[in-house]
C-alpha atoms as a PDB file:
ATOM      1  CA  MET A   1      -0.362  -0.086   0.142  1.00  0.00           C
ATOM      2  CA  ALA A   2       1.098   3.804  -0.829  1.00  0.00           C
ATOM      3  CA  TYR A   3       1.095   6.205   2.672  1.00  0.00           C
ATOM      4  CA  PHE A   4       2.087   9.726   3.375  1.00  0.00           C
ATOM      5  CA  LEU A   5       3.190  11.173   5.889  1.00  0.00           C
ATOM      6  CA  GLU A   6       2.269  14.913   5.808  1.00  0.00           C
ATOM      7  CA  TYR A   7       3.702  17.585   7.952  1.00  0.00           C
ATOM      8  CA  LEU A   8       5.773  21.052   8.481  1.00  0.00           C
ATOM      9  CA  VAL A   9       9.240  20.915   9.427  1.00  0.00           C
ATOM     10  CA  PRO A  10       9.781  24.626  11.486  1.00  0.00           C
ATOM     11  CA  ALA A  11      12.627  25.840   9.831  1.00  0.00           C
ATOM     12  CA  GLU A  12      15.790  27.055  12.464  1.00  0.00           C
ATOM     13  CA  SER A  13      17.376  29.868  13.332  1.00  0.00           C
ATOM     14  CA  GLY A  14      13.620  31.769  13.120  1.00  0.00           C
ATOM     15  CA  GLY A  15      13.004  31.540   9.541  1.00  0.00           C
ATOM     16  CA  ALA A  16      14.524  32.008   5.981  1.00  0.00           C
ATOM     17  CA  GLU A  17      14.266  35.258   3.400  1.00  0.00           C
ATOM     18  CA  VAL A  18      13.828  33.523   0.184  1.00  0.00           C
ATOM     19  CA  PRO A  19      13.113  36.135  -3.125  1.00  0.00           C
ATOM     20  CA  VAL A  20      10.532  35.464  -5.191  1.00  0.00           C
ATOM     21  CA  ASP A  21      10.245  35.971  -9.536  1.00  0.00           C
ATOM     22  CA  ASP A  22       6.444  37.141  -9.537  1.00  0.00           C
ATOM     23  CA  ALA A  23       7.276  37.010 -13.349  1.00  0.00           C
ATOM     24  CA  ASN A  24       8.179  33.446 -13.671  1.00  0.00           C
ATOM     25  CA  ASP A  25       5.562  32.109 -11.077  1.00  0.00           C
ATOM     26  CA  GLY A  26       6.649  29.604  -8.739  1.00  0.00           C
ATOM     27  CA  SER A  27      10.684  30.055  -9.055  1.00  0.00           C
ATOM     28  CA  THR A  28      13.185  31.263  -6.786  1.00  0.00           C
ATOM     29  CA  VAL A  29      16.121  33.249  -7.365  1.00  0.00           C
ATOM     30  CA  PRO A  30      19.947  33.876  -5.811  1.00  0.00           C
ATOM     31  CA  ALA A  31      19.069  36.496  -3.045  1.00  0.00           C
ATOM     32  CA  GLY A  32      22.398  38.823  -4.769  1.00  0.00           C
ATOM     33  CA  GLU A  33      20.549  38.498  -7.679  1.00  0.00           C
ATOM     34  CA  THR A  34      16.994  40.454  -7.643  1.00  0.00           C
ATOM     35  CA  ALA A  35      15.348  42.984  -6.358  1.00  0.00           C
ATOM     36  CA  GLU A  36      12.239  40.962  -6.081  1.00  0.00           C
ATOM     37  CA  ARG A  37      10.009  40.695  -3.377  1.00  0.00           C
ATOM     38  CA  VAL A  38      10.913  38.578  -0.583  1.00  0.00           C
ATOM     39  CA  VAL A  39       8.861  35.699   1.482  1.00  0.00           C
ATOM     40  CA  HIS A  40       9.541  34.814   5.179  1.00  0.00           C
ATOM     41  CA  ILE A  41       9.339  30.962   5.610  1.00  0.00           C
ATOM     42  CA  ASP A  42       8.984  29.775   8.945  1.00  0.00           C
ATOM     43  CA  ALA A  43       8.032  26.214   7.769  1.00  0.00           C
ATOM     44  CA  LEU A  44       8.043  24.033   5.512  1.00  0.00           C
ATOM     45  CA  PRO A  45       6.077  21.310   3.956  1.00  0.00           C
ATOM     46  CA  ALA A  46       6.922  18.355   3.403  1.00  0.00           C
ATOM     47  CA  ARG A  47       5.259  14.691   2.267  1.00  0.00           C
ATOM     48  CA  SER A  48       7.476  11.264   3.116  1.00  0.00           C
ATOM     49  CA  ARG A  49       6.003   8.238   1.301  1.00  0.00           C
ATOM     50  CA  ILE A  50       5.842   5.744   4.531  1.00  0.00           C
ATOM     51  CA  ALA A  51       6.243   1.690   3.487  1.00  0.00           C
ATOM     52  CA  ALA A  52       3.695  -0.201   4.787  1.00  0.00           C
ATOM     53  CA  GLY A  53       1.681  -2.858   4.469  1.00  0.00           C
ATOM     54  CA  SER A  54      -0.959  -2.109   6.542  1.00  0.00           C
ATOM     55  CA  LEU A  55      -2.604   1.081   8.154  1.00  0.00           C
ATOM     56  CA  GLU A  56      -0.915   0.317  11.603  1.00  0.00           C
ATOM     57  CA  ASP A  57       2.378  -0.286  10.474  1.00  0.00           C
ATOM     58  CA  ALA A  58       2.153   2.606   8.341  1.00  0.00           C
ATOM     59  CA  ARG A  59       1.530   4.489  11.831  1.00  0.00           C
ATOM     60  CA  THR A  60       4.089   3.218  13.428  1.00  0.00           C
ATOM     61  CA  GLU A  61       7.112   4.601  10.530  1.00  0.00           C
ATOM     62  CA  ALA A  62       5.228   7.335  10.456  1.00  0.00           C
ATOM     63  CA  GLU A  63       5.436   7.765  14.583  1.00  0.00           C
ATOM     64  CA  GLN A  64       8.945   7.418  13.835  1.00  0.00           C
ATOM     65  CA  LEU A  65       9.577   9.482  10.960  1.00  0.00           C
ATOM     66  CA  LEU A  66       7.697  12.756  13.025  1.00  0.00           C
ATOM     67  CA  LEU A  67      10.075  11.590  16.259  1.00  0.00           C
ATOM     68  CA  HIS A  68      13.683  12.085  14.023  1.00  0.00           C
ATOM     69  CA  SER A  69      12.269  15.200  12.482  1.00  0.00           C
ATOM     70  CA  LYS A  70      11.757  18.748  14.179  1.00  0.00           C
ATOM     71  CA  ALA A  71       8.134  18.717  13.349  1.00  0.00           C
ATOM     72  CA  ASP A  72       5.660  17.513  16.300  1.00  0.00           C
ATOM     73  CA  ALA A  73       2.639  16.783  13.733  1.00  0.00           C
ATOM     74  CA  GLY A  74       1.364  14.977  10.940  1.00  0.00           C
ATOM     75  CA  GLU A  75      -1.704  13.745   8.380  1.00  0.00           C
ATOM     76  CA  LEU A  76      -0.977   9.853   7.174  1.00  0.00           C
ATOM     77  CA  PHE A  77      -3.209   9.553   4.155  1.00  0.00           C
ATOM     78  CA  ASP A  78      -3.300   6.226   1.988  1.00  0.00           C
ATOM     79  CA  ASP A  79      -2.239   6.953  -1.706  1.00  0.00           C
ATOM     80  CA  PRO A  80      -2.894   4.410  -3.848  1.00  0.00           C
ATOM     81  CA  GLY A  81      -2.261   6.265  -7.200  1.00  0.00           C
ATOM     82  CA  ASP A  82       1.528   7.275  -5.465  1.00  0.00           C
ATOM     83  CA  PHE A  83       1.042  11.464  -6.003  1.00  0.00           C
ATOM     84  CA  LEU A  84       3.366  13.753  -4.414  1.00  0.00           C
ATOM     85  CA  GLU A  85       0.846  16.639  -4.416  1.00  0.00           C
ATOM     86  CA  ALA A  86      -0.722  17.666  -1.282  1.00  0.00           C
ATOM     87  CA  GLY A  87      -3.774  16.319   0.215  1.00  0.00           C
ATOM     88  CA  SER A  88      -3.807  13.989  -2.456  1.00  0.00           C
ATOM     89  CA  GLY A  89      -5.518  10.125  -1.531  1.00  0.00           C
ATOM     90  CA  LEU A  90      -7.537   9.131   1.675  1.00  0.00           C
ATOM     91  CA  ARG A  91      -6.648  10.832   4.513  1.00  0.00           C
ATOM     92  CA  VAL A  92      -6.557   7.937   7.128  1.00  0.00           C
ATOM     93  CA  GLY A  93      -5.119   9.965  10.861  1.00  0.00           C
ATOM     94  CA  GLY A  94      -3.291  12.474  12.241  1.00  0.00           C
ATOM     95  CA  PHE A  95      -0.577  12.204  14.612  1.00  0.00           C
ATOM     96  CA  ARG A  96       0.083  14.709  17.547  1.00  0.00           C
ATOM     97  CA  GLU A  97       3.269  14.396  19.643  1.00  0.00           C
ATOM     98  CA  GLY A  98       1.789  14.685  23.378  1.00  0.00           C
ATOM     99  CA  ARG A  99      -1.578  13.150  22.174  1.00  0.00           C
ATOM    100  CA  GLY A 100      -1.279  10.302  19.555  1.00  0.00           C
ATOM    101  CA  TRP A 101      -3.364   9.638  16.993  1.00  0.00           C
ATOM    102  CA  SER A 102      -6.656  10.277  15.904  1.00  0.00           C
ATOM    103  CA  ASP A 103      -8.972   9.758  13.203  1.00  0.00           C
ATOM    104  CA  ASP A 104     -10.715  12.916  12.490  1.00  0.00           C
END
């Protein structure tokens, strides 16, 4: 089965400033090469594939991934299409450190 964990990785040292090139929507450029606007980022979204044969195994692997990251929460998706787009598939639970799993 194809499971994916979506979570936010907090940026270190108060975040990062990323210049955005509006002329090329979605592109970033080196900070020294532009006078374009700059966006402050406090966290980066991540979607990681979880190799597991069952939902219970996927939850166990997802917990381990979160425990070894700076993230403290995530949402688990069953996505047989194996897509990398955020929110793709069926949400099968959410995990929050200190609270465990919820299905809501």
